[in-house]
Structure formats: structure tokens, C-alpha cells
């Protein structure tokens, strides 16, 4: 099972930027689907962005145009570049990894079978 460690969270003013990083263990990282979820106080976890092994991406409508997910398979790393941050982006952000059961189910597999990191706090002040 892959182990995940997030970093890069912190406190930033609205309109600012942060870059989250996720370091993954394991030699078969390149075939994993990866994603970033977030959970705000009192809210359910929600998918922010996800990326397939081949680089296909999916974004929540609330972050499209502001956030970019990317991966470096040679370094076993996934990144989330967050620009134009808003107070409503405040949450704990989690890195998630999953081996897709099928190419068509990769998003569902992240949600249902993914391995999770410990999370990193992002706080955006107004």
C-alpha cells in the first residue's frame, strides 16, 4: 500500500498562492491515480482535483481556473498549485492515491478505495 505525506500548507491572505506537495512511497507510483481532497470544519470531504497515471485531470467547479494538479512520476510526487485563494478554500487538504480497477472508474476508485495522507491545513484570511 502506498504511503503519502503532504506538505506546503499554511496561512495566506485572500488572493495569494500556495503549492501543496505530496510525497508517495512505492515503486509503482506511476500507475496510481492521484487526487487532492479537502475538508472544512463541519463539512464533508470533497474532491478538489485529480490526475490519472497518464496526466488526465479533473477539477471541482469551485477551483477551475485557479488550481492546477500535476505529478512527477520520476520523483513520486504530486502537486497542487493554488492561486487566487479565497477564504472558502480554508480546509485540511488530503492527498489520495488509488490503483484504478478500470480506466473508466478512476475517480470513483479514488473515493472508495484510496489511501490517504494525514492532511495539511490551508487557511486563507480575508
Foldseek 3Di string as FASTA:
>chain_A
DKAKAKDWADEEAAQAKIKMKIAIDDDPLLQKKKFKWWDDVPGDIDTAKIAGSVGDMDGDPVQPPFWDWDDDNVRRMIMIIGGRDDQVVWTWMKMWIFRDPDPVCNVVCRVPPIDIYPTDTHGYHD
